[in-house]
PDB file of N, CA and C in Angstrom:
ATOM      1  N   UNK A   1       3.257   2.721  17.629  1.00  0.00           N
ATOM      2  CA  UNK A   1       3.253   3.892  16.890  1.00  0.00           C
ATOM      3  C   UNK A   1       2.311   3.945  15.420  1.00  0.00           C
ATOM      4  N   UNK A   2       2.076   2.202  15.689  1.00  0.00           N
ATOM      5  CA  UNK A   2       1.185   1.783  14.419  1.00  0.00           C
ATOM      6  C   UNK A   2       0.265   3.064  14.052  1.00  0.00           C
ATOM      7  N   UNK A   3      -0.331   4.105  15.166  1.00  0.00           N
ATOM      8  CA  UNK A   3      -1.158   4.860  14.253  1.00  0.00           C
ATOM      9  C   UNK A   3      -0.734   6.023  13.934  1.00  0.00           C
ATOM     10  N   UNK A   4       0.338   6.286  13.990  1.00  0.00           N
ATOM     11  CA  UNK A   4       1.065   7.624  13.465  1.00  0.00           C
ATOM     12  C   UNK A   4       1.435   7.356  12.306  1.00  0.00           C
ATOM     13  N   UNK A   5       2.648   6.097  11.998  1.00  0.00           N
ATOM     14  CA  UNK A   5       3.237   5.629  10.889  1.00  0.00           C
ATOM     15  C   UNK A   5       1.871   5.058  10.169  1.00  0.00           C
ATOM     16  N   UNK A   6       0.886   4.351  10.305  1.00  0.00           N
ATOM     17  CA  UNK A   6       0.090   3.864   9.803  1.00  0.00           C
ATOM     18  C   UNK A   6      -0.544   4.978   8.774  1.00  0.00           C
ATOM     19  N   UNK A   7      -1.017   6.148   9.725  1.00  0.00           N
ATOM     20  CA  UNK A   7      -1.697   7.153   8.835  1.00  0.00           C
ATOM     21  C   UNK A   7      -0.857   8.009   7.929  1.00  0.00           C
ATOM     22  N   UNK A   8       0.262   7.867   8.362  1.00  0.00           N
ATOM     23  CA  UNK A   8       1.323   8.625   6.969  1.00  0.00           C
ATOM     24  C   UNK A   8       1.204   7.465   6.012  1.00  0.00           C
ATOM     25  N   UNK A   9       1.627   6.108   6.205  1.00  0.00           N
ATOM     26  CA  UNK A   9       1.500   5.202   5.308  1.00  0.00           C
ATOM     27  C   UNK A   9       0.289   5.113   4.328  1.00  0.00           C
ATOM     28  N   UNK A  10      -0.952   4.984   4.757  1.00  0.00           N
ATOM     29  CA  UNK A  10      -1.996   4.809   4.187  1.00  0.00           C
ATOM     30  C   UNK A  10      -2.372   6.143   3.120  1.00  0.00           C
ATOM     31  N   UNK A  11      -1.627   7.325   3.344  1.00  0.00           N
ATOM     32  CA  UNK A  11      -1.461   8.441   2.682  1.00  0.00           C
ATOM     33  C   UNK A  11      -0.527   8.931   1.561  1.00  0.00           C
ATOM     34  N   UNK A  12       0.708   8.287   1.846  1.00  0.00           N
ATOM     35  CA  UNK A  12       1.927   8.504   1.244  1.00  0.00           C
ATOM     36  C   UNK A  12       2.602   7.268   0.959  1.00  0.00           C
ATOM     37  N   UNK A  13       2.612   6.247   0.950  1.00  0.00           N
ATOM     38  CA  UNK A  13       3.418   5.028   0.962  1.00  0.00           C
ATOM     39  C   UNK A  13       3.753   4.631  -0.666  1.00  0.00           C
ATOM     40  N   UNK A  14       2.525   5.178  -1.235  1.00  0.00           N
ATOM     41  CA  UNK A  14       2.832   5.171  -2.707  1.00  0.00           C
ATOM     42  C   UNK A  14       3.473   6.106  -3.341  1.00  0.00           C
ATOM     43  N   UNK A  15       4.105   6.958  -2.409  1.00  0.00           N
ATOM     44  CA  UNK A  15       4.823   7.751  -3.372  1.00  0.00           C
ATOM     45  C   UNK A  15       6.516   7.711  -2.755  1.00  0.00           C
ATOM     46  N   UNK A  16       6.625   6.763  -2.129  1.00  0.00           N
ATOM     47  CA  UNK A  16       8.145   6.063  -1.543  1.00  0.00           C
ATOM     48  C   UNK A  16       8.917   5.489  -2.539  1.00  0.00           C
ATOM     49  N   UNK A  17       9.711   5.908  -2.320  1.00  0.00           N
ATOM     50  CA  UNK A  17      10.770   4.798  -3.784  1.00  0.00           C
ATOM     51  C   UNK A  17      11.605   3.942  -2.747  1.00  0.00           C
ATOM     52  N   UNK A  18      12.086   3.028  -3.474  1.00  0.00           N
ATOM     53  CA  UNK A  18      12.794   1.608  -2.355  1.00  0.00           C
ATOM     54  C   UNK A  18      13.576   2.116  -1.629  1.00  0.00           C
ATOM     55  N   UNK A  19      14.632   3.294  -1.668  1.00  0.00           N
ATOM     56  CA  UNK A  19      15.466   3.589  -0.699  1.00  0.00           C
ATOM     57  C   UNK A  19      14.269   4.613   0.457  1.00  0.00           C
ATOM     58  N   UNK A  20      13.304   4.951  -0.089  1.00  0.00           N
ATOM     59  CA  UNK A  20      12.663   5.361   1.026  1.00  0.00           C
ATOM     60  C   UNK A  20      11.541   4.484   1.716  1.00  0.00           C
ATOM     61  N   UNK A  21      11.545   3.498   1.031  1.00  0.00           N
ATOM     62  CA  UNK A  21      10.755   2.601   1.946  1.00  0.00           C
ATOM     63  C   UNK A  21      11.575   1.636   2.905  1.00  0.00           C
ATOM     64  N   UNK A  22      12.614   1.695   2.635  1.00  0.00           N
ATOM     65  CA  UNK A  22      13.683   1.113   3.606  1.00  0.00           C
ATOM     66  C   UNK A  22      13.878   1.752   4.538  1.00  0.00           C
ATOM     67  N   UNK A  23      14.041   3.273   4.715  1.00  0.00           N
ATOM     68  CA  UNK A  23      14.161   3.946   5.746  1.00  0.00           C
ATOM     69  C   UNK A  23      12.852   4.012   6.556  1.00  0.00           C
ATOM     70  N   UNK A  24      11.630   3.947   6.171  1.00  0.00           N
ATOM     71  CA  UNK A  24      10.335   3.751   6.602  1.00  0.00           C
ATOM     72  C   UNK A  24      10.302   2.382   7.383  1.00  0.00           C
ATOM     73  N   UNK A  25      11.063   1.771   6.956  1.00  0.00           N
ATOM     74  CA  UNK A  25      10.965   0.520   7.635  1.00  0.00           C
ATOM     75  C   UNK A  25      12.056   0.657   8.985  1.00  0.00           C
ATOM     76  N   UNK A  26      13.137   0.991   8.657  1.00  0.00           N
ATOM     77  CA  UNK A  26      13.794   1.433   9.833  1.00  0.00           C
ATOM     78  C   UNK A  26      13.202   2.065  10.547  1.00  0.00           C
ATOM     79  N   UNK A  27      12.360   2.976  10.571  1.00  0.00           N
ATOM     80  CA  UNK A  27      11.490   3.767  11.498  1.00  0.00           C
ATOM     81  C   UNK A  27      10.763   3.144  12.317  1.00  0.00           C
ATOM     82  N   UNK A  28       9.919   2.252  11.785  1.00  0.00           N
ATOM     83  CA  UNK A  28       8.868   1.277  12.210  1.00  0.00           C
ATOM     84  C   UNK A  28       9.356   0.315  13.248  1.00  0.00           C
ATOM     85  N   UNK A  29      10.872   0.034  12.887  1.00  0.00           N
ATOM     86  CA  UNK A  29      11.452  -0.805  14.039  1.00  0.00           C
ATOM     87  C   UNK A  29      11.890   0.310  15.107  1.00  0.00           C
ATOM     88  N   UNK A  30      12.129   1.491  15.227  1.00  0.00           N
ATOM     89  CA  UNK A  30      12.230   2.192  16.253  1.00  0.00           C
ATOM     90  C   UNK A  30      11.344   1.690  17.725  1.00  0.00           C
ATOM     91  N   UNK A  31      11.881   2.034  18.816  1.00  0.00           N
ATOM     92  CA  UNK A  31      10.966   1.836  19.883  1.00  0.00           C
ATOM     93  C   UNK A  31       9.934   3.244  19.899  1.00  0.00           C
ATOM     94  N   UNK A  32       8.466   2.732  20.275  1.00  0.00           N
ATOM     95  CA  UNK A  32       7.410   3.564  19.904  1.00  0.00           C
ATOM     96  C   UNK A  32       7.737   5.232  21.067  1.00  0.00           C
ATOM     97  N   UNK A  33       8.088   4.586  22.199  1.00  0.00           N
ATOM     98  CA  UNK A  33       8.706   5.782  22.792  1.00  0.00           C
ATOM     99  C   UNK A  33       9.342   6.904  22.411  1.00  0.00           C
ATOM    100  N   UNK A  34      10.735   6.124  22.069  1.00  0.00           N
ATOM    101  CA  UNK A  34      11.282   7.255  21.348  1.00  0.00           C
ATOM    102  C   UNK A  34      10.865   7.862  19.997  1.00  0.00           C
ATOM    103  N   UNK A  35      10.307   7.381  19.264  1.00  0.00           N
ATOM    104  CA  UNK A  35       9.546   7.768  17.992  1.00  0.00           C
ATOM    105  C   UNK A  35       8.560   8.795  18.336  1.00  0.00           C
ATOM    106  N   UNK A  36       7.777   8.511  19.286  1.00  0.00           N
ATOM    107  CA  UNK A  36       6.945   9.771  19.669  1.00  0.00           C
ATOM    108  C   UNK A  36       7.718  10.769  20.158  1.00  0.00           C
ATOM    109  N   UNK A  37       8.786  10.772  21.092  1.00  0.00           N
ATOM    110  CA  UNK A  37       9.593  11.613  21.665  1.00  0.00           C
ATOM    111  C   UNK A  37      10.030  12.758  20.480  1.00  0.00           C
ATOM    112  N   UNK A  38      10.657  11.970  19.338  1.00  0.00           N
ATOM    113  CA  UNK A  38      11.303  12.551  18.124  1.00  0.00           C
ATOM    114  C   UNK A  38      10.146  13.413  17.375  1.00  0.00           C
ATOM    115  N   UNK A  39       9.102  12.693  17.132  1.00  0.00           N
ATOM    116  CA  UNK A  39       7.827  13.309  16.320  1.00  0.00           C
ATOM    117  C   UNK A  39       7.246  14.693  17.066  1.00  0.00           C
ATOM    118  N   UNK A  40       7.005  14.576  18.386  1.00  0.00           N
ATOM    119  CA  UNK A  40       6.500  15.963  19.207  1.00  0.00           C
ATOM    120  C   UNK A  40       7.788  16.867  19.516  1.00  0.00           C
ATOM    121  N   UNK A  41       9.152  16.337  19.284  1.00  0.00           N
ATOM    122  CA  UNK A  41      10.257  17.194  19.468  1.00  0.00           C
ATOM    123  C   UNK A  41      10.840  17.492  21.083  1.00  0.00           C
ATOM    124  N   UNK A  42      10.004  16.573  21.478  1.00  0.00           N
ATOM    125  CA  UNK A  42      10.630  16.535  23.403  1.00  0.00           C
ATOM    126  C   UNK A  42      12.125  15.784  23.488  1.00  0.00           C
ATOM    127  N   UNK A  43      12.502  15.431  22.395  1.00  0.00           N
ATOM    128  CA  UNK A  43      13.980  14.770  22.269  1.00  0.00           C
ATOM    129  C   UNK A  43      14.225  14.825  21.251  1.00  0.00           C
ATOM    130  N   UNK A  44      15.402  14.858  21.215  1.00  0.00           N
ATOM    131  CA  UNK A  44      16.348  15.233  19.627  1.00  0.00           C
ATOM    132  C   UNK A  44      16.556  13.914  18.863  1.00  0.00           C
ATOM    133  N   UNK A  45      16.181  13.924  18.159  1.00  0.00           N
ATOM    134  CA  UNK A  45      16.461  12.962  16.981  1.00  0.00           C
ATOM    135  C   UNK A  45      17.820  12.191  16.325  1.00  0.00           C
ATOM    136  N   UNK A  46      17.949  11.456  16.763  1.00  0.00           N
ATOM    137  CA  UNK A  46      19.532  10.760  16.720  1.00  0.00           C
ATOM    138  C   UNK A  46      19.581  10.963  15.068  1.00  0.00           C
ATOM    139  N   UNK A  47      20.908  10.832  14.720  1.00  0.00           N
ATOM    140  CA  UNK A  47      20.992  11.455  13.232  1.00  0.00           C
ATOM    141  C   UNK A  47      20.708  10.248  12.151  1.00  0.00           C
ATOM    142  N   UNK A  48      20.887   9.083  12.837  1.00  0.00           N
ATOM    143  CA  UNK A  48      20.640   8.263  12.168  1.00  0.00           C
ATOM    144  C   UNK A  48      18.984   7.398  11.811  1.00  0.00           C
ATOM    145  N   UNK A  49      18.276   8.628  12.452  1.00  0.00           N
ATOM    146  CA  UNK A  49      16.638   8.353  12.228  1.00  0.00           C
ATOM    147  C   UNK A  49      16.186   9.817  11.784  1.00  0.00           C
ATOM    148  N   UNK A  50      16.987  10.761  11.875  1.00  0.00           N
ATOM    149  CA  UNK A  50      16.824  12.408  11.562  1.00  0.00           C
ATOM    150  C   UNK A  50      16.982  12.338   9.525  1.00  0.00           C
ATOM    151  N   UNK A  51      16.210  11.595   8.931  1.00  0.00           N
ATOM    152  CA  UNK A  51      16.273  11.364   7.472  1.00  0.00           C
ATOM    153  C   UNK A  51      15.025  12.286   6.879  1.00  0.00           C
ATOM    154  N   UNK A  52      15.254  12.410   5.792  1.00  0.00           N
ATOM    155  CA  UNK A  52      14.372  13.331   4.640  1.00  0.00           C
ATOM    156  C   UNK A  52      12.767  12.210   4.655  1.00  0.00           C
ATOM    157  N   UNK A  53      13.277  10.997   4.849  1.00  0.00           N
ATOM    158  CA  UNK A  53      11.854  10.362   5.451  1.00  0.00           C
ATOM    159  C   UNK A  53      11.182  10.845   6.713  1.00  0.00           C
ATOM    160  N   UNK A  54      11.808  10.704   8.004  1.00  0.00           N
ATOM    161  CA  UNK A  54      11.512  11.392   9.083  1.00  0.00           C
ATOM    162  C   UNK A  54      10.681  12.580   9.147  1.00  0.00           C
ATOM    163  N   UNK A  55      11.642  13.539   8.378  1.00  0.00           N
ATOM    164  CA  UNK A  55      11.156  14.890   8.588  1.00  0.00           C
ATOM    165  C   UNK A  55       9.575  14.977   7.416  1.00  0.00           C
ATOM    166  N   UNK A  56       9.636  14.360   6.496  1.00  0.00           N
ATOM    167  CA  UNK A  56       8.455  13.885   5.785  1.00  0.00           C
ATOM    168  C   UNK A  56       7.031  13.666   6.397  1.00  0.00           C
ATOM    169  N   UNK A  57       7.467  12.827   7.367  1.00  0.00           N
ATOM    170  CA  UNK A  57       6.277  11.784   8.342  1.00  0.00           C
ATOM    171  C   UNK A  57       6.484  13.124   9.348  1.00  0.00           C
ATOM    172  N   UNK A  58       7.049  14.222   9.760  1.00  0.00           N
ATOM    173  CA  UNK A  58       6.690  15.076  10.954  1.00  0.00           C
ATOM    174  C   UNK A  58       5.623  15.882  10.239  1.00  0.00           C
ATOM    175  N   UNK A  59       6.280  16.570   8.972  1.00  0.00           N
ATOM    176  CA  UNK A  59       5.641  17.612   7.816  1.00  0.00           C
ATOM    177  C   UNK A  59       4.209  17.099   7.689  1.00  0.00           C
ATOM    178  N   UNK A  60       4.124  15.810   7.526  1.00  0.00           N
ATOM    179  CA  UNK A  60       2.632  15.376   7.207  1.00  0.00           C
ATOM    180  C   UNK A  60       2.085  15.655   8.416  1.00  0.00           C
ATOM    181  N   UNK A  61       2.101  15.571   9.514  1.00  0.00           N
ATOM    182  CA  UNK A  61       1.154  15.525  10.793  1.00  0.00           C
ATOM    183  C   UNK A  61       1.258  16.990  11.151  1.00  0.00           C
ATOM    184  N   UNK A  62       2.285  17.878  10.945  1.00  0.00           N
ATOM    185  CA  UNK A  62       2.291  19.551  11.303  1.00  0.00           C
ATOM    186  C   UNK A  62       1.028  19.929  10.370  1.00  0.00           C
ATOM    187  N   UNK A  63       1.345  19.788   8.932  1.00  0.00           N
ATOM    188  CA  UNK A  63       0.279  19.875   8.240  1.00  0.00           C
ATOM    189  C   UNK A  63      -1.408  19.599   8.221  1.00  0.00           C
ATOM    190  N   UNK A  64      -1.434  18.526   8.715  1.00  0.00           N
ATOM    191  CA  UNK A  64      -2.558  17.674   9.155  1.00  0.00           C
ATOM    192  C   UNK A  64      -3.335  18.822  10.402  1.00  0.00           C
ATOM    193  N   UNK A  65      -2.494  18.832  11.508  1.00  0.00           N
ATOM    194  CA  UNK A  65      -2.521  19.676  12.691  1.00  0.00           C
ATOM    195  C   UNK A  65      -3.092  21.300  12.271  1.00  0.00           C
ATOM    196  N   UNK A  66      -2.617  21.817  10.695  1.00  0.00           N
ATOM    197  CA  UNK A  66      -2.811  23.268  10.727  1.00  0.00           C
ATOM    198  C   UNK A  66      -4.077  23.308   9.715  1.00  0.00           C
ATOM    199  N   UNK A  67      -4.207  21.975   9.175  1.00  0.00           N
ATOM    200  CA  UNK A  67      -5.587  22.154   8.429  1.00  0.00           C
ATOM    201  C   UNK A  67      -6.834  21.799   9.314  1.00  0.00           C
ATOM    202  N   UNK A  68      -6.568  21.235  10.434  1.00  0.00           N
ATOM    203  CA  UNK A  68      -7.875  20.681  11.447  1.00  0.00           C
ATOM    204  C   UNK A  68      -7.902  21.683  12.367  1.00  0.00           C
ATOM    205  N   UNK A  69      -7.498  22.780  12.439  1.00  0.00           N
ATOM    206  CA  UNK A  69      -7.475  24.149  13.551  1.00  0.00           C
ATOM    207  C   UNK A  69      -8.432  24.876  13.004  1.00  0.00           C
TER     208      UNK A  69
END
């Protein structure tokens, strides 16, 4: 999942505070298959991962898709 989280990190990591960085690190530890399922909406995101940071990452890619269409 480095491709997904890596692109977000390249663009936004400097905008995350220390608490948000901790949440981001938790997301990096999630199994790739699960993270991909949550990102695509094919599986419900568990409450402990459904954070403002996760929603921000998902929005980042939704905006990317809209601008490239």
